[in-house]
Amino acid sequence: MFNLFYFLFCALAISAFAAPLTEEEANAELRAAGMTQASIDGLDALSKKFATGFPLVKPDKEATDKFIADYRSESEK
């Protein structure tokens, strides 16, 4: 019984430390790495565009290819 409890406790502790960052924490880390606020905002906008746009075109191969090409060119700017 103790071994099972110990195993579950360790799994819970590991998952708590592996929790994703909040948006504020991620922005603070990017600022600490030397990124400007404008570039952080641009990166955030790109990630939101991908998260909302990609599921819409995912079923169609041609639309997916066009979306990825447009996304890539916009991210390189």
Protein backbone atom coordinates (compact mmCIF):
# COMPACT_ATOMS: atom_id res chain seq x y z
CA MET A 1 0.00 0.00 0.00
CA PHE A 2 2.79 2.41 0.90
CA ASN A 3 4.58 1.70 -2.40
CA LEU A 4 1.44 2.54 -4.37
CA PHE A 5 0.94 5.77 -2.41
CA TYR A 6 4.60 6.71 -2.87
CA PHE A 7 4.40 6.05 -6.61
CA LEU A 8 1.24 8.16 -6.99
CA PHE A 9 2.74 10.96 -4.90
CA CYS A 10 5.88 11.03 -7.07
CA ALA A 11 3.81 11.04 -10.25
CA LEU A 12 1.73 13.94 -8.95
CA ALA A 13 4.83 15.91 -7.94
CA ILE A 14 6.45 15.40 -11.33
CA SER A 15 3.31 16.45 -13.19
CA ALA A 16 3.01 19.58 -11.05
CA PHE A 17 6.52 20.68 -12.00
CA ALA A 18 5.89 19.88 -15.67
CA ALA A 19 2.85 22.15 -15.83
CA PRO A 20 2.82 24.54 -18.79
CA LEU A 21 3.78 28.15 -18.28
CA THR A 22 1.18 30.86 -18.05
CA GLU A 23 1.23 33.53 -20.72
CA GLU A 24 2.75 36.03 -18.31
CA GLU A 25 5.53 33.62 -17.33
CA ALA A 26 6.29 32.85 -20.96
CA ASN A 27 6.42 36.57 -21.82
CA ALA A 28 8.74 37.22 -18.88
CA GLU A 29 11.10 34.46 -20.03
CA LEU A 30 11.12 35.81 -23.58
CA ARG A 31 11.85 39.34 -22.30
CA ALA A 32 14.65 37.94 -20.12
CA ALA A 33 16.06 36.24 -23.22
CA GLY A 34 16.32 39.64 -24.92
CA MET A 35 13.22 39.81 -27.11
CA THR A 36 11.42 43.12 -27.48
CA GLN A 37 7.76 43.45 -26.55
CA ALA A 38 6.85 44.03 -30.23
CA SER A 39 8.47 40.75 -31.28
CA ILE A 40 6.79 38.91 -28.40
CA ASP A 41 3.42 40.32 -29.49
CA GLY A 42 4.10 39.27 -33.08
CA LEU A 43 5.01 35.75 -31.98
CA ASP A 44 1.85 35.58 -29.89
CA ALA A 45 -0.27 36.72 -32.84
CA LEU A 46 1.32 34.11 -35.10
CA SER A 47 0.71 31.31 -32.62
CA LYS A 48 -2.94 32.36 -32.17
CA LYS A 49 -3.39 32.57 -35.94
CA PHE A 50 -2.04 29.04 -36.33
CA ALA A 51 -4.16 27.69 -33.47
CA THR A 52 -7.36 29.09 -34.95
CA GLY A 53 -6.64 28.75 -38.68
CA PHE A 54 -5.03 25.34 -38.99
CA PRO A 55 -7.95 23.26 -37.68
CA LEU A 56 -10.19 24.88 -40.30
CA VAL A 57 -8.00 23.79 -43.23
CA LYS A 58 -6.74 20.51 -41.78
CA PRO A 59 -9.15 18.20 -43.68
CA ASP A 60 -8.14 19.60 -47.11
CA LYS A 61 -4.58 18.83 -48.25
CA GLU A 62 -4.36 21.71 -50.73
CA ALA A 63 -5.77 24.23 -48.26
CA THR A 64 -3.35 22.95 -45.60
CA ASP A 65 -0.37 23.38 -47.93
CA LYS A 66 -1.46 26.92 -48.84
CA PHE A 67 -2.05 27.81 -45.18
CA ILE A 68 1.40 26.50 -44.17
CA ALA A 69 3.08 28.37 -47.04
CA ASP A 70 1.33 31.63 -46.10
CA TYR A 71 2.10 31.08 -42.42
CA ARG A 72 5.76 30.41 -43.15
CA SER A 73 6.15 33.52 -45.29
CA GLU A 74 4.43 35.66 -42.64
CA SER A 75 6.60 34.22 -39.87
CA GLU A 76 9.79 34.96 -41.82
CA LYS A 77 8.90 38.67 -42.11
